[in-house]
């Protein structure tokens, strides 16, 4: 498994965290949001999912990748 920290702009509450984590779960990725740091820690198999796919899933929820 590969771990990456992605900066996400626009998250401010528990609903935001749930939206991002839920979107990642839908594509088979484990993600944990840190609202204070405005980041999400993602764990994924680079052979199955690329970082671009992860970023797109977050952006489709209305957030900006920093």
N, C-alpha and C. Protein backbone atom coordinates (compact mmCIF):
# COMPACT_ATOMS: atom_id res chain seq x y z
N UNK A 1 0.84 -1.19 0.00
CA UNK A 1 0.00 0.00 0.00
C UNK A 1 0.88 1.25 0.00
N UNK A 2 0.41 2.23 -0.72
CA UNK A 2 1.10 3.52 -0.80
C UNK A 2 0.28 4.54 0.00
N UNK A 3 0.94 5.40 0.75
CA UNK A 3 0.27 6.43 1.52
C UNK A 3 0.66 7.80 0.98
N UNK A 4 -0.31 8.67 0.86
CA UNK A 4 -0.09 10.02 0.34
C UNK A 4 -0.94 10.99 1.15
N UNK A 5 -0.41 12.19 1.38
CA UNK A 5 -1.16 13.25 2.04
C UNK A 5 -1.54 14.26 0.96
N UNK A 6 -2.84 14.52 0.83
CA UNK A 6 -3.35 15.43 -0.19
C UNK A 6 -3.97 16.64 0.51
N UNK A 7 -3.57 17.84 0.10
CA UNK A 7 -4.14 19.06 0.65
C UNK A 7 -5.45 19.35 -0.08
N UNK A 8 -6.52 19.60 0.70
CA UNK A 8 -7.84 19.83 0.13
C UNK A 8 -8.38 21.15 0.68
N UNK A 9 -8.65 22.08 -0.21
CA UNK A 9 -9.20 23.38 0.18
C UNK A 9 -10.72 23.34 0.17
N UNK A 10 -11.33 24.01 1.14
CA UNK A 10 -12.78 24.13 1.15
C UNK A 10 -13.48 23.26 2.19
N UNK A 11 -12.75 22.38 2.86
CA UNK A 11 -13.36 21.55 3.90
C UNK A 11 -13.43 22.33 5.20
N UNK A 12 -14.59 22.30 5.88
CA UNK A 12 -14.71 23.07 7.11
C UNK A 12 -15.50 22.38 8.22
N UNK A 13 -16.10 21.23 7.92
CA UNK A 13 -16.96 20.60 8.93
C UNK A 13 -17.00 19.08 8.74
N UNK A 14 -17.72 18.44 9.64
CA UNK A 14 -17.85 16.98 9.59
C UNK A 14 -18.50 16.50 8.30
N UNK A 15 -19.46 17.28 7.80
CA UNK A 15 -20.11 16.91 6.54
C UNK A 15 -19.08 16.88 5.40
N UNK A 16 -18.19 17.85 5.40
CA UNK A 16 -17.14 17.91 4.38
C UNK A 16 -16.26 16.66 4.46
N UNK A 17 -15.85 16.32 5.68
CA UNK A 17 -15.00 15.14 5.88
C UNK A 17 -15.72 13.88 5.40
N UNK A 18 -17.00 13.75 5.75
CA UNK A 18 -17.77 12.58 5.33
C UNK A 18 -17.90 12.51 3.81
N UNK A 19 -18.09 13.66 3.17
CA UNK A 19 -18.23 13.69 1.71
C UNK A 19 -16.95 13.22 1.04
N UNK A 20 -15.81 13.71 1.51
CA UNK A 20 -14.53 13.33 0.91
C UNK A 20 -14.22 11.86 1.19
N UNK A 21 -14.35 11.45 2.44
CA UNK A 21 -14.06 10.05 2.79
C UNK A 21 -15.01 9.09 2.06
N UNK A 22 -16.27 9.49 1.92
CA UNK A 22 -17.25 8.65 1.22
C UNK A 22 -16.93 8.52 -0.26
N UNK A 23 -16.51 9.62 -0.88
CA UNK A 23 -16.15 9.59 -2.30
C UNK A 23 -14.95 8.67 -2.52
N UNK A 24 -14.00 8.72 -1.61
CA UNK A 24 -12.83 7.85 -1.73
C UNK A 24 -13.22 6.38 -1.53
N UNK A 25 -14.08 6.14 -0.58
CA UNK A 25 -14.54 4.76 -0.32
C UNK A 25 -15.21 4.17 -1.55
N UNK A 26 -15.96 5.01 -2.27
CA UNK A 26 -16.66 4.54 -3.48
C UNK A 26 -15.69 4.04 -4.55
N UNK A 27 -14.47 4.58 -4.57
CA UNK A 27 -13.49 4.11 -5.56
C UNK A 27 -12.49 3.13 -4.94
N UNK A 28 -12.80 2.65 -3.73
CA UNK A 28 -11.98 1.61 -3.10
C UNK A 28 -10.73 2.12 -2.39
N UNK A 29 -10.76 3.38 -1.96
CA UNK A 29 -9.60 3.99 -1.32
C UNK A 29 -9.92 4.27 0.14
N UNK A 30 -8.95 4.02 1.01
CA UNK A 30 -9.09 4.38 2.41
C UNK A 30 -8.57 5.80 2.59
N UNK A 31 -9.40 6.67 3.16
CA UNK A 31 -8.98 8.05 3.38
C UNK A 31 -9.40 8.56 4.74
N UNK A 32 -8.55 9.37 5.35
CA UNK A 32 -8.85 9.97 6.66
C UNK A 32 -8.60 11.46 6.58
N UNK A 33 -9.65 12.25 6.77
CA UNK A 33 -9.57 13.70 6.69
C UNK A 33 -9.09 14.29 8.01
N UNK A 34 -8.22 15.30 7.91
CA UNK A 34 -7.81 16.12 9.04
C UNK A 34 -8.27 17.53 8.72
N UNK A 35 -9.40 17.94 9.32
CA UNK A 35 -9.99 19.24 9.00
C UNK A 35 -9.07 20.41 9.37
N UNK A 36 -8.40 20.33 10.51
CA UNK A 36 -7.52 21.42 10.93
C UNK A 36 -6.38 21.64 9.95
N UNK A 37 -5.80 20.55 9.48
CA UNK A 37 -4.67 20.63 8.54
C UNK A 37 -5.14 20.81 7.09
N UNK A 38 -6.45 20.64 6.85
CA UNK A 38 -7.01 20.68 5.50
C UNK A 38 -6.34 19.65 4.58
N UNK A 39 -6.20 18.44 5.11
CA UNK A 39 -5.57 17.36 4.35
C UNK A 39 -6.41 16.09 4.45
N UNK A 40 -6.12 15.19 3.55
CA UNK A 40 -6.67 13.83 3.64
C UNK A 40 -5.51 12.87 3.40
N UNK A 41 -5.39 11.90 4.30
CA UNK A 41 -4.37 10.87 4.18
C UNK A 41 -5.01 9.70 3.46
N UNK A 42 -4.47 9.35 2.31
CA UNK A 42 -5.04 8.26 1.52
C UNK A 42 -4.07 7.09 1.44
N UNK A 43 -4.61 5.90 1.51
CA UNK A 43 -3.84 4.67 1.35
C UNK A 43 -4.42 3.91 0.17
N UNK A 44 -3.56 3.61 -0.79
CA UNK A 44 -4.06 2.97 -2.01
C UNK A 44 -2.98 2.12 -2.66
N UNK A 45 -3.43 1.24 -3.54
CA UNK A 45 -2.55 0.39 -4.34
C UNK A 45 -2.28 1.10 -5.65
N UNK A 46 -1.04 1.54 -5.84
CA UNK A 46 -0.70 2.30 -7.05
C UNK A 46 -0.94 1.51 -8.33
N UNK A 47 -0.97 0.19 -8.24
CA UNK A 47 -1.23 -0.63 -9.41
C UNK A 47 -2.69 -0.66 -9.82
N UNK A 48 -3.57 -0.23 -8.92
CA UNK A 48 -5.01 -0.26 -9.19
C UNK A 48 -5.62 1.11 -9.40
N UNK A 49 -5.14 2.11 -8.62
CA UNK A 49 -5.71 3.45 -8.67
C UNK A 49 -4.58 4.47 -8.65
N UNK A 50 -4.69 5.46 -9.51
CA UNK A 50 -3.68 6.51 -9.56
C UNK A 50 -4.08 7.71 -8.73
N UNK A 51 -3.11 8.53 -8.39
CA UNK A 51 -3.37 9.73 -7.61
C UNK A 51 -4.31 10.69 -8.34
N UNK A 52 -4.25 10.72 -9.66
CA UNK A 52 -5.15 11.58 -10.43
C UNK A 52 -6.61 11.18 -10.23
N UNK A 53 -6.88 9.89 -10.15
CA UNK A 53 -8.23 9.39 -9.93
C UNK A 53 -8.73 9.80 -8.55
N UNK A 54 -7.84 9.73 -7.58
CA UNK A 54 -8.19 10.12 -6.21
C UNK A 54 -8.52 11.61 -6.16
N UNK A 55 -7.68 12.43 -6.77
CA UNK A 55 -7.91 13.87 -6.79
C UNK A 55 -9.21 14.21 -7.50
N UNK A 56 -9.50 13.52 -8.59
CA UNK A 56 -10.74 13.77 -9.33
C UNK A 56 -11.96 13.45 -8.45
N UNK A 57 -11.90 12.35 -7.70
CA UNK A 57 -13.02 11.97 -6.84
C UNK A 57 -13.28 13.05 -5.78
N UNK A 58 -12.21 13.65 -5.26
CA UNK A 58 -12.35 14.71 -4.26
C UNK A 58 -12.91 15.97 -4.91
N UNK A 59 -12.37 16.32 -6.06
CA UNK A 59 -12.83 17.53 -6.77
C UNK A 59 -14.29 17.42 -7.18
N UNK A 60 -14.76 16.22 -7.51
CA UNK A 60 -16.17 16.02 -7.89
C UNK A 60 -17.11 16.28 -6.71
N UNK A 61 -16.59 16.31 -5.50
CA UNK A 61 -17.39 16.65 -4.32
C UNK A 61 -17.44 18.16 -4.09
N UNK A 62 -16.73 18.93 -4.92
CA UNK A 62 -16.77 20.38 -4.82
C UNK A 62 -15.59 21.01 -4.12
N UNK A 63 -14.54 20.24 -3.88
CA UNK A 63 -13.36 20.74 -3.18
C UNK A 63 -12.20 20.93 -4.15
N UNK A 64 -11.25 21.75 -3.74
CA UNK A 64 -10.09 22.06 -4.58
C UNK A 64 -8.86 21.40 -3.99
N UNK A 65 -8.09 20.76 -4.84
CA UNK A 65 -6.83 20.17 -4.41
C UNK A 65 -5.78 21.27 -4.34
N UNK A 66 -5.12 21.37 -3.19
CA UNK A 66 -4.12 22.44 -2.98
C UNK A 66 -2.77 22.09 -3.49
